[in-house]
Amino acid sequence: MDVLQLDVSGRPQAWITTKEAAVIYASDGVAWTLGSPCHVLRGGLQRRTGQQSRIEVHPIIAVRGAVPSRAWRHTPALSNPKIFARDRYVCAYCGHRFQIDDLTREHIIPSSRGGADSWMNCITACRSCNGRKGNRMPEEAHMTLLYLPYVPNLHEDMILRGRRILADQMEFLLACVPRSSRLHG
């Protein structure tokens, strides 16, 4: 189970392990938390009291410290699993849903014709449709896009990374995902 780490202003920073979160708790680096504790880590016994130390880890923790403003200006890293998840595993040409092994990253404007390897030029296509389109523009291949690509925001990107997300974490992330996002549907 991973913990969603936020900066003190509430913006997602990373998915971290429970042990990494415990280190932040132990060093008094947690500013605030959300959700009910989801994991309890037990330590050694205190010599004076005989009590065992314990850290209750919440599913969402905000970490103390300065918020780097430039961190919010970058575009999320592009990967096939994230493109496929953004597009809900549906081919942009035939509209059928496929398993991940039957999908490809399709460049609307082919790379060989100057098309960028970017969120706005890449969509999900099944192997058959990708082969049929080949090195042509969609209109040259008489193929129509059933949906348009878009750049996911930071909250969507955290969802698209393919982790097992707890209900508290999903609720928090979806609250900042635009209603127009395919992740809502």
N, C-alpha and C. Protein backbone atom coordinates (compact mmCIF):
# COMPACT_ATOMS: atom_id res chain seq x y z
N MET A 1 0.84 -1.17 0.00
CA MET A 1 0.00 0.00 0.00
C MET A 1 0.88 1.23 0.00
N ASP A 2 0.62 2.17 -0.89
CA ASP A 2 1.40 3.39 -0.97
C ASP A 2 0.64 4.54 -0.33
N VAL A 3 1.40 5.53 0.08
CA VAL A 3 0.87 6.73 0.71
C VAL A 3 1.02 7.88 -0.29
N LEU A 4 -0.01 8.70 -0.39
CA LEU A 4 0.04 9.87 -1.26
C LEU A 4 0.68 11.01 -0.49
N GLN A 5 1.85 11.45 -0.96
CA GLN A 5 2.57 12.55 -0.30
C GLN A 5 2.21 13.85 -0.99
N LEU A 6 1.81 14.84 -0.19
CA LEU A 6 1.47 16.17 -0.69
C LEU A 6 2.47 17.18 -0.16
N ASP A 7 2.52 18.34 -0.82
CA ASP A 7 3.26 19.43 -0.19
C ASP A 7 2.30 20.09 0.80
N VAL A 8 2.79 21.05 1.56
CA VAL A 8 1.98 21.64 2.63
C VAL A 8 0.75 22.37 2.09
N SER A 9 0.78 22.76 0.80
CA SER A 9 -0.38 23.44 0.22
C SER A 9 -1.42 22.45 -0.32
N GLY A 10 -1.12 21.14 -0.29
CA GLY A 10 -2.08 20.13 -0.71
C GLY A 10 -1.90 19.61 -2.12
N ARG A 11 -0.79 19.95 -2.76
CA ARG A 11 -0.54 19.45 -4.12
C ARG A 11 0.23 18.15 -4.05
N PRO A 12 -0.19 17.15 -4.84
CA PRO A 12 0.50 15.85 -4.83
C PRO A 12 1.96 15.99 -5.25
N GLN A 13 2.82 15.26 -4.54
CA GLN A 13 4.24 15.23 -4.87
C GLN A 13 4.67 13.87 -5.38
N ALA A 14 4.24 12.82 -4.68
CA ALA A 14 4.72 11.48 -5.02
C ALA A 14 3.90 10.41 -4.32
N TRP A 15 4.04 9.19 -4.82
CA TRP A 15 3.57 8.00 -4.11
C TRP A 15 4.78 7.49 -3.36
N ILE A 16 4.64 7.28 -2.06
CA ILE A 16 5.75 6.77 -1.25
C ILE A 16 5.31 5.52 -0.50
N THR A 17 6.29 4.75 -0.07
CA THR A 17 5.97 3.53 0.68
C THR A 17 5.58 3.89 2.11
N THR A 18 4.97 2.96 2.78
CA THR A 18 4.60 3.14 4.18
C THR A 18 5.84 3.41 5.03
N LYS A 19 6.93 2.73 4.74
CA LYS A 19 8.18 2.92 5.50
C LYS A 19 8.74 4.32 5.26
N GLU A 20 8.66 4.82 4.01
CA GLU A 20 9.12 6.19 3.73
C GLU A 20 8.26 7.20 4.49
N ALA A 21 6.96 6.94 4.55
CA ALA A 21 6.06 7.82 5.30
C ALA A 21 6.41 7.79 6.79
N ALA A 22 6.73 6.62 7.31
CA ALA A 22 7.08 6.50 8.73
C ALA A 22 8.30 7.34 9.07
N VAL A 23 9.25 7.41 8.17
CA VAL A 23 10.45 8.23 8.39
C VAL A 23 10.04 9.71 8.49
N ILE A 24 9.10 10.13 7.66
CA ILE A 24 8.63 11.52 7.70
C ILE A 24 7.90 11.78 9.02
N TYR A 25 7.07 10.84 9.45
CA TYR A 25 6.39 10.97 10.75
C TYR A 25 7.42 11.07 11.87
N ALA A 26 8.40 10.16 11.87
CA ALA A 26 9.38 10.09 12.95
C ALA A 26 10.25 11.36 13.03
N SER A 27 10.44 12.03 11.90
CA SER A 27 11.27 13.24 11.90
C SER A 27 10.41 14.50 12.04
N ASP A 28 9.15 14.32 12.44
CA ASP A 28 8.21 15.42 12.64
C ASP A 28 8.03 16.26 11.37
N GLY A 29 8.01 15.57 10.23
CA GLY A 29 7.88 16.26 8.95
C GLY A 29 6.47 16.31 8.41
N VAL A 30 5.50 15.74 9.12
CA VAL A 30 4.11 15.72 8.64
C VAL A 30 3.40 16.97 9.15
N ALA A 31 2.89 17.77 8.19
CA ALA A 31 2.15 18.99 8.54
C ALA A 31 0.70 18.66 8.88
N TRP A 32 0.07 17.79 8.07
CA TRP A 32 -1.31 17.37 8.30
C TRP A 32 -1.57 16.10 7.51
N THR A 33 -2.68 15.44 7.85
CA THR A 33 -3.03 14.16 7.21
C THR A 33 -4.50 14.18 6.80
N LEU A 34 -4.84 13.25 5.93
CA LEU A 34 -6.24 13.02 5.55
C LEU A 34 -6.51 11.53 5.57
N GLY A 35 -7.75 11.18 5.87
CA GLY A 35 -8.15 9.78 5.89
C GLY A 35 -7.85 9.12 7.23
N SER A 36 -8.47 8.00 7.43
CA SER A 36 -8.23 7.21 8.65
C SER A 36 -6.91 6.48 8.52
N PRO A 37 -6.21 6.27 9.65
CA PRO A 37 -4.95 5.52 9.56
C PRO A 37 -5.17 4.19 8.83
N CYS A 38 -4.25 3.89 7.93
CA CYS A 38 -4.41 2.68 7.13
C CYS A 38 -3.34 1.64 7.42
N HIS A 39 -2.36 2.02 8.22
CA HIS A 39 -1.29 1.08 8.55
C HIS A 39 -0.67 1.49 9.88
N VAL A 40 -0.34 0.52 10.68
CA VAL A 40 0.33 0.79 11.96
C VAL A 40 1.67 0.08 11.94
N LEU A 41 2.72 0.86 12.17
CA LEU A 41 4.07 0.30 12.27
C LEU A 41 4.46 0.29 13.75
N ARG A 42 4.96 -0.85 14.20
CA ARG A 42 5.34 -0.99 15.61
C ARG A 42 6.86 -1.07 15.71
N GLY A 43 7.39 -0.40 16.73
CA GLY A 43 8.84 -0.38 16.94
C GLY A 43 9.23 -1.08 18.21
N GLY A 44 10.32 -0.61 18.76
CA GLY A 44 10.87 -1.23 19.97
C GLY A 44 10.15 -0.76 21.22
N LEU A 45 10.57 -1.32 22.36
CA LEU A 45 9.99 -0.98 23.65
C LEU A 45 10.80 0.13 24.29
N GLN A 46 10.10 1.07 24.92
CA GLN A 46 10.77 2.13 25.66
C GLN A 46 11.30 1.53 26.96
N ARG A 47 12.54 1.86 27.29
CA ARG A 47 13.17 1.27 28.46
C ARG A 47 12.45 1.69 29.75
N ARG A 48 12.11 2.98 29.88
CA ARG A 48 11.49 3.48 31.11
C ARG A 48 10.06 3.01 31.29
N THR A 49 9.25 3.09 30.23
CA THR A 49 7.82 2.81 30.38
C THR A 49 7.44 1.39 29.98
N GLY A 50 8.27 0.77 29.15
CA GLY A 50 7.94 -0.57 28.66
C GLY A 50 6.93 -0.54 27.52
N GLN A 51 6.54 0.67 27.09
CA GLN A 51 5.56 0.78 26.00
C GLN A 51 6.25 0.62 24.65
N GLN A 52 5.52 -0.03 23.76
CA GLN A 52 6.03 -0.20 22.40
C GLN A 52 5.73 1.06 21.59
N SER A 53 6.72 1.53 20.83
CA SER A 53 6.48 2.69 19.97
C SER A 53 5.64 2.24 18.77
N ARG A 54 4.83 3.18 18.28
CA ARG A 54 4.00 2.86 17.13
C ARG A 54 3.75 4.13 16.32
N ILE A 55 3.65 3.96 15.04
CA ILE A 55 3.34 5.08 14.14
C ILE A 55 2.12 4.66 13.32
N GLU A 56 1.07 5.48 13.40
CA GLU A 56 -0.12 5.26 12.57
C GLU A 56 0.05 6.06 11.30
N VAL A 57 0.06 5.38 10.18
CA VAL A 57 0.27 6.04 8.89
C VAL A 57 -1.08 6.26 8.22
N HIS A 58 -1.31 7.49 7.79
CA HIS A 58 -2.54 7.85 7.07
C HIS A 58 -2.32 7.68 5.57
N PRO A 59 -3.39 7.53 4.79
CA PRO A 59 -3.24 7.32 3.35
C PRO A 59 -2.75 8.57 2.60
N ILE A 60 -2.94 9.76 3.21
CA ILE A 60 -2.52 11.01 2.60
C ILE A 60 -1.80 11.83 3.66
N ILE A 61 -0.55 12.23 3.36
CA ILE A 61 0.20 13.07 4.30
C ILE A 61 0.74 14.30 3.57
N ALA A 62 0.65 15.43 4.24
CA ALA A 62 1.25 16.66 3.72
C ALA A 62 2.56 16.88 4.47
N VAL A 63 3.60 17.17 3.72
CA VAL A 63 4.94 17.29 4.27
C VAL A 63 5.31 18.76 4.45
N ARG A 64 5.90 19.06 5.60
CA ARG A 64 6.34 20.43 5.89
C ARG A 64 7.44 20.84 4.91
N GLY A 65 7.55 22.15 4.71
CA GLY A 65 8.65 22.66 3.89
C GLY A 65 8.14 23.59 2.81
N ALA A 66 9.07 24.21 2.14
CA ALA A 66 8.75 25.17 1.09
C ALA A 66 8.16 24.45 -0.12
N VAL A 67 7.31 25.16 -0.84
CA VAL A 67 6.68 24.62 -2.05
C VAL A 67 7.40 25.22 -3.26
N PRO A 68 8.13 24.38 -4.03
CA PRO A 68 8.80 24.92 -5.21
C PRO A 68 7.77 25.27 -6.30
N SER A 69 7.72 26.52 -6.69
CA SER A 69 6.69 26.96 -7.64
C SER A 69 6.88 26.34 -9.02
N ARG A 70 8.11 26.11 -9.43
CA ARG A 70 8.34 25.58 -10.77
C ARG A 70 7.89 24.12 -10.92
N ALA A 71 7.70 23.42 -9.80
CA ALA A 71 7.30 22.02 -9.86
C ALA A 71 5.95 21.84 -10.52
N TRP A 72 5.12 22.90 -10.58
CA TRP A 72 3.78 22.77 -11.12
C TRP A 72 3.68 23.17 -12.57
N ARG A 73 4.79 23.49 -13.17
CA ARG A 73 4.75 23.95 -14.55
C ARG A 73 5.13 22.86 -15.53
N HIS A 74 5.55 21.72 -15.06
CA HIS A 74 5.98 20.68 -16.00
C HIS A 74 4.81 19.81 -16.44
N THR A 75 4.98 19.24 -17.63
CA THR A 75 3.99 18.31 -18.18
C THR A 75 4.29 16.92 -17.64
N PRO A 76 3.28 16.15 -17.26
CA PRO A 76 3.54 14.80 -16.74
C PRO A 76 4.29 13.95 -17.77
N ALA A 77 5.14 13.07 -17.29
CA ALA A 77 5.90 12.18 -18.17
C ALA A 77 4.93 11.30 -18.97
N LEU A 78 5.26 11.09 -20.22
CA LEU A 78 4.45 10.30 -21.14
C LEU A 78 4.88 8.85 -21.10
N SER A 79 3.93 7.94 -20.98
CA SER A 79 4.24 6.50 -21.05
C SER A 79 3.02 5.79 -21.62
N ASN A 80 3.26 4.63 -22.23
CA ASN A 80 2.14 3.87 -22.80
C ASN A 80 1.08 3.52 -21.76
N PRO A 81 1.46 2.98 -20.59
CA PRO A 81 0.41 2.65 -19.62
C PRO A 81 -0.45 3.85 -19.23
N LYS A 82 0.18 5.03 -19.10
CA LYS A 82 -0.60 6.21 -18.73
C LYS A 82 -1.49 6.69 -19.88
N ILE A 83 -0.99 6.61 -21.12
CA ILE A 83 -1.84 6.98 -22.27
C ILE A 83 -3.04 6.03 -22.34
N PHE A 84 -2.78 4.73 -22.21
CA PHE A 84 -3.87 3.75 -22.31
C PHE A 84 -4.90 3.97 -21.19
N ALA A 85 -4.43 4.26 -19.97
CA ALA A 85 -5.34 4.51 -18.86
C ALA A 85 -6.13 5.80 -19.11
N ARG A 86 -5.45 6.87 -19.58
CA ARG A 86 -6.15 8.13 -19.89
C ARG A 86 -7.29 7.88 -20.87
N ASP A 87 -7.03 7.03 -21.87
CA ASP A 87 -8.00 6.76 -22.93
C ASP A 87 -8.91 5.58 -22.60
N ARG A 88 -8.84 5.09 -21.36
CA ARG A 88 -9.69 4.02 -20.84
C ARG A 88 -9.59 2.72 -21.64
N TYR A 89 -8.41 2.47 -22.22
CA TYR A 89 -8.11 1.24 -22.97
C TYR A 89 -9.02 1.08 -24.19
N VAL A 90 -9.46 2.22 -24.73
CA VAL A 90 -10.35 2.23 -25.89
C VAL A 90 -9.59 2.77 -27.10
N CYS A 91 -9.66 2.05 -28.21
CA CYS A 91 -9.03 2.48 -29.46
C CYS A 91 -9.73 3.75 -29.95
N ALA A 92 -8.94 4.77 -30.28
CA ALA A 92 -9.49 6.05 -30.73
C ALA A 92 -10.11 5.96 -32.12
N TYR A 93 -9.87 4.87 -32.85
CA TYR A 93 -10.41 4.74 -34.20
C TYR A 93 -11.62 3.82 -34.28
N CYS A 94 -11.53 2.61 -33.71
CA CYS A 94 -12.67 1.68 -33.81
C CYS A 94 -13.60 1.74 -32.60
N GLY A 95 -13.12 2.30 -31.48
CA GLY A 95 -13.96 2.46 -30.30
C GLY A 95 -14.09 1.22 -29.43
N HIS A 96 -13.36 0.16 -29.75
CA HIS A 96 -13.43 -1.06 -28.94
C HIS A 96 -12.43 -0.98 -27.79
N ARG A 97 -12.80 -1.64 -26.70
CA ARG A 97 -11.94 -1.71 -25.51
C ARG A 97 -11.04 -2.94 -25.65
N PHE A 98 -9.76 -2.79 -25.28
CA PHE A 98 -8.78 -3.86 -25.44
C PHE A 98 -7.97 -4.07 -24.17
N GLN A 99 -7.34 -5.23 -24.08
CA GLN A 99 -6.35 -5.49 -23.04
C GLN A 99 -5.08 -4.71 -23.40
N ILE A 100 -4.27 -4.40 -22.41
CA ILE A 100 -3.09 -3.55 -22.62
C ILE A 100 -2.13 -4.14 -23.66
N ASP A 101 -2.02 -5.46 -23.73
CA ASP A 101 -1.10 -6.09 -24.69
C ASP A 101 -1.55 -5.93 -26.14
N ASP A 102 -2.81 -5.59 -26.36
CA ASP A 102 -3.33 -5.43 -27.71
C ASP A 102 -3.41 -3.97 -28.14
N LEU A 103 -2.80 -3.08 -27.34
CA LEU A 103 -2.85 -1.65 -27.64
C LEU A 103 -1.49 -1.10 -28.04
N THR A 104 -1.51 0.01 -28.77
CA THR A 104 -0.28 0.68 -29.18
C THR A 104 -0.43 2.18 -28.96
N ARG A 105 0.72 2.84 -28.86
CA ARG A 105 0.76 4.31 -28.83
C ARG A 105 0.69 4.76 -30.29
N GLU A 106 -0.34 5.48 -30.63
CA GLU A 106 -0.55 5.95 -31.99
C GLU A 106 -0.27 7.45 -32.06
N HIS A 107 0.57 7.85 -33.01
CA HIS A 107 0.85 9.27 -33.24
C HIS A 107 -0.14 9.77 -34.30
N ILE A 108 -0.98 10.72 -33.94
CA ILE A 108 -1.96 11.26 -34.88
C ILE A 108 -1.23 11.81 -36.11
N ILE A 109 -0.27 12.69 -35.88
CA ILE A 109 0.65 13.10 -36.94
C ILE A 109 1.86 12.19 -36.79
N PRO A 110 2.12 11.32 -37.76
CA PRO A 110 3.19 10.33 -37.61
C PRO A 110 4.54 10.97 -37.28
N SER A 111 5.32 10.30 -36.46
CA SER A 111 6.66 10.78 -36.08
C SER A 111 7.51 11.05 -37.31
N SER A 112 7.40 10.17 -38.30
CA SER A 112 8.20 10.31 -39.52
C SER A 112 7.82 11.55 -40.33
N ARG A 113 6.67 12.14 -39.97
CA ARG A 113 6.22 13.35 -40.68
C ARG A 113 6.28 14.57 -39.76
N GLY A 114 7.08 14.47 -38.72
CA GLY A 114 7.30 15.61 -37.83
C GLY A 114 6.39 15.66 -36.61
N GLY A 115 5.59 14.64 -36.42
CA GLY A 115 4.69 14.60 -35.27
C GLY A 115 5.45 14.40 -33.97
N ALA A 116 5.06 15.14 -32.97
CA ALA A 116 5.73 15.07 -31.66
C ALA A 116 5.29 13.85 -30.87
N ASP A 117 6.18 13.38 -30.01
CA ASP A 117 5.84 12.32 -29.07
C ASP A 117 5.34 13.03 -27.82
N SER A 118 4.07 13.47 -27.86
CA SER A 118 3.52 14.30 -26.80
C SER A 118 2.10 13.85 -26.47
N TRP A 119 1.61 14.31 -25.31
CA TRP A 119 0.24 13.99 -24.90
C TRP A 119 -0.78 14.40 -25.95
N MET A 120 -0.57 15.53 -26.61
CA MET A 120 -1.55 16.07 -27.56
C MET A 120 -1.47 15.42 -28.94
N ASN A 121 -0.43 14.63 -29.20
CA ASN A 121 -0.32 13.96 -30.49
C ASN A 121 -0.43 12.44 -30.37
N CYS A 122 -0.53 11.93 -29.15
CA CYS A 122 -0.57 10.48 -28.94
C CYS A 122 -1.93 10.05 -28.39
N ILE A 123 -2.43 8.99 -28.96
CA ILE A 123 -3.69 8.40 -28.51
C ILE A 123 -3.52 6.88 -28.46
N THR A 124 -4.51 6.21 -27.95
CA THR A 124 -4.53 4.76 -27.86
C THR A 124 -5.15 4.19 -29.12
N ALA A 125 -4.49 3.18 -29.70
CA ALA A 125 -5.05 2.50 -30.88
C ALA A 125 -4.80 1.00 -30.73
N CYS A 126 -5.73 0.22 -31.25
CA CYS A 126 -5.50 -1.23 -31.28
C CYS A 126 -4.47 -1.50 -32.38
N ARG A 127 -3.86 -2.65 -32.32
CA ARG A 127 -2.81 -2.98 -33.31
C ARG A 127 -3.35 -2.96 -34.73
N SER A 128 -4.56 -3.43 -34.90
CA SER A 128 -5.15 -3.47 -36.24
C SER A 128 -5.34 -2.06 -36.82
N CYS A 129 -5.94 -1.17 -36.04
CA CYS A 129 -6.17 0.20 -36.53
C CYS A 129 -4.85 0.94 -36.74
N ASN A 130 -3.89 0.72 -35.84
CA ASN A 130 -2.60 1.38 -35.99
C ASN A 130 -1.93 0.92 -37.28
N GLY A 131 -1.99 -0.38 -37.57
CA GLY A 131 -1.41 -0.90 -38.81
C GLY A 131 -2.13 -0.38 -40.03
N ARG A 132 -3.45 -0.28 -39.95
CA ARG A 132 -4.24 0.22 -41.08
C ARG A 132 -3.92 1.69 -41.38
N LYS A 133 -3.75 2.49 -40.33
CA LYS A 133 -3.44 3.91 -40.53
C LYS A 133 -2.02 4.08 -41.06
N GLY A 134 -1.10 3.28 -40.51
CA GLY A 134 0.28 3.34 -40.98
C GLY A 134 0.90 4.71 -40.83
N ASN A 135 1.61 5.14 -41.86
CA ASN A 135 2.36 6.38 -41.85
C ASN A 135 1.56 7.54 -42.44
N ARG A 136 0.23 7.46 -42.31
CA ARG A 136 -0.62 8.50 -42.91
C ARG A 136 -1.31 9.31 -41.82
N MET A 137 -1.83 10.46 -42.22
CA MET A 137 -2.68 11.26 -41.35
C MET A 137 -4.03 10.55 -41.28
N PRO A 138 -4.79 10.74 -40.20
CA PRO A 138 -6.09 10.06 -40.11
C PRO A 138 -6.99 10.30 -41.33
N GLU A 139 -7.05 11.54 -41.81
CA GLU A 139 -7.92 11.83 -42.97
C GLU A 139 -7.43 11.14 -44.24
N GLU A 140 -6.11 10.96 -44.38
CA GLU A 140 -5.57 10.26 -45.55
C GLU A 140 -5.94 8.78 -45.52
N ALA A 141 -6.06 8.24 -44.31
CA ALA A 141 -6.42 6.83 -44.14
C ALA A 141 -7.93 6.65 -44.02
N HIS A 142 -8.68 7.75 -44.15
CA HIS A 142 -10.14 7.73 -44.01
C HIS A 142 -10.56 7.16 -42.65
N MET A 143 -9.84 7.62 -41.62
CA MET A 143 -10.12 7.18 -40.26
C MET A 143 -10.42 8.42 -39.42
N THR A 144 -11.45 8.32 -38.58
CA THR A 144 -11.87 9.44 -37.76
C THR A 144 -11.54 9.16 -36.30
N LEU A 145 -11.02 10.19 -35.61
CA LEU A 145 -10.78 10.06 -34.18
C LEU A 145 -12.11 10.12 -33.43
N LEU A 146 -12.35 9.17 -32.55
CA LEU A 146 -13.58 9.15 -31.77
C LEU A 146 -13.48 10.02 -30.51
N TYR A 147 -12.28 10.35 -30.12
CA TYR A 147 -12.06 11.26 -28.99
C TYR A 147 -10.75 11.98 -29.23
N LEU A 148 -10.56 13.08 -28.53
CA LEU A 148 -9.36 13.89 -28.69
C LEU A 148 -8.39 13.67 -27.53
N PRO A 149 -7.10 13.81 -27.81
CA PRO A 149 -6.13 13.68 -26.73
C PRO A 149 -6.14 14.93 -25.85
N TYR A 150 -5.62 14.81 -24.65
CA TYR A 150 -5.44 15.97 -23.77
C TYR A 150 -4.28 15.69 -22.82
N VAL A 151 -3.76 16.76 -22.24
CA VAL A 151 -2.67 16.64 -21.27
C VAL A 151 -3.30 16.52 -19.88
N PRO A 152 -3.03 15.43 -19.17
CA PRO A 152 -3.60 15.27 -17.83
C PRO A 152 -2.98 16.27 -16.86
N ASN A 153 -3.80 16.72 -15.90
CA ASN A 153 -3.24 17.58 -14.86
C ASN A 153 -2.51 16.69 -13.84
N LEU A 154 -1.88 17.32 -12.86
CA LEU A 154 -1.08 16.59 -11.89
C LEU A 154 -1.89 15.54 -11.13
N HIS A 155 -3.13 15.88 -10.75
CA HIS A 155 -3.97 14.94 -10.01
C HIS A 155 -4.32 13.73 -10.88
N GLU A 156 -4.64 13.97 -12.14
CA GLU A 156 -4.91 12.86 -13.07
C GLU A 156 -3.67 11.99 -13.22
N ASP A 157 -2.51 12.64 -13.35
CA ASP A 157 -1.27 11.91 -13.53
C ASP A 157 -1.02 10.96 -12.35
N MET A 158 -1.31 11.41 -11.15
CA MET A 158 -1.12 10.54 -9.98
C MET A 158 -2.03 9.31 -10.07
N ILE A 159 -3.24 9.48 -10.61
CA ILE A 159 -4.15 8.35 -10.80
C ILE A 159 -3.65 7.44 -11.92
N LEU A 160 -3.16 8.03 -13.00
CA LEU A 160 -2.74 7.27 -14.18
C LEU A 160 -1.49 6.44 -13.94
N ARG A 161 -0.78 6.70 -12.85
CA ARG A 161 0.46 5.96 -12.59
C ARG A 161 0.20 4.50 -12.25
N GLY A 162 -1.07 4.11 -12.14
CA GLY A 162 -1.41 2.69 -12.05
C GLY A 162 -1.20 2.03 -10.71
N ARG A 163 -1.26 2.75 -9.67
CA ARG A 163 -1.13 2.18 -8.33
C ARG A 163 -2.49 1.70 -7.84
N ARG A 164 -2.45 0.87 -6.78
CA ARG A 164 -3.69 0.54 -6.07
C ARG A 164 -4.00 1.75 -5.21
N ILE A 165 -5.07 2.42 -5.51
CA ILE A 165 -5.40 3.67 -4.84
C ILE A 165 -6.54 3.43 -3.86
N LEU A 166 -6.33 3.82 -2.61
CA LEU A 166 -7.37 3.68 -1.59
C LEU A 166 -8.49 4.69 -1.84
N ALA A 167 -9.66 4.41 -1.31
CA ALA A 167 -10.83 5.27 -1.53
C ALA A 167 -10.57 6.71 -1.10
N ASP A 168 -9.93 6.92 0.06
CA ASP A 168 -9.63 8.28 0.52
C ASP A 168 -8.72 9.01 -0.47
N GLN A 169 -7.74 8.28 -1.00
CA GLN A 169 -6.80 8.88 -1.94
C GLN A 169 -7.50 9.22 -3.26
N MET A 170 -8.35 8.30 -3.75
CA MET A 170 -9.05 8.53 -5.01
C MET A 170 -10.00 9.71 -4.88
N GLU A 171 -10.72 9.79 -3.78
CA GLU A 171 -11.64 10.90 -3.56
C GLU A 171 -10.89 12.23 -3.57
N PHE A 172 -9.73 12.28 -2.90
CA PHE A 172 -8.94 13.50 -2.87
C PHE A 172 -8.46 13.88 -4.27
N LEU A 173 -7.92 12.92 -5.01
CA LEU A 173 -7.38 13.21 -6.34
C LEU A 173 -8.48 13.59 -7.32
N LEU A 174 -9.59 12.86 -7.33
CA LEU A 174 -10.68 13.15 -8.27
C LEU A 174 -11.31 14.52 -8.04
N ALA A 175 -11.24 15.03 -6.81
CA ALA A 175 -11.81 16.34 -6.52
C ALA A 175 -11.13 17.44 -7.33
N CYS A 176 -9.89 17.20 -7.79
CA CYS A 176 -9.15 18.20 -8.56
C CYS A 176 -8.98 17.80 -10.03
N VAL A 177 -9.71 16.79 -10.46
CA VAL A 177 -9.68 16.37 -11.86
C VAL A 177 -10.85 17.05 -12.56
N PRO A 178 -10.60 17.70 -13.70
CA PRO A 178 -11.69 18.38 -14.41
C PRO A 178 -12.84 17.43 -14.74
N ARG A 179 -14.05 17.91 -14.67
CA ARG A 179 -15.24 17.10 -14.97
C ARG A 179 -15.19 16.54 -16.39
N SER A 180 -14.48 17.22 -17.29
CA SER A 180 -14.38 16.77 -18.68
C SER A 180 -13.42 15.59 -18.85
N SER A 181 -12.67 15.25 -17.82
CA SER A 181 -11.70 14.17 -17.90
C SER A 181 -12.39 12.83 -18.12
N ARG A 182 -11.77 11.97 -18.90
CA ARG A 182 -12.30 10.61 -19.10
C ARG A 182 -12.18 9.77 -17.84
N LEU A 183 -11.39 10.21 -16.86
CA LEU A 183 -11.26 9.46 -15.60
C LEU A 183 -12.54 9.50 -14.79
N HIS A 184 -13.42 10.44 -15.03
CA HIS A 184 -14.70 10.51 -14.33
C HIS A 184 -15.72 9.55 -14.94
N GLY A 185 -15.57 9.23 -16.19
CA GLY A 185 -16.61 8.45 -16.87
C GLY A 185 -16.32 7.04 -16.88
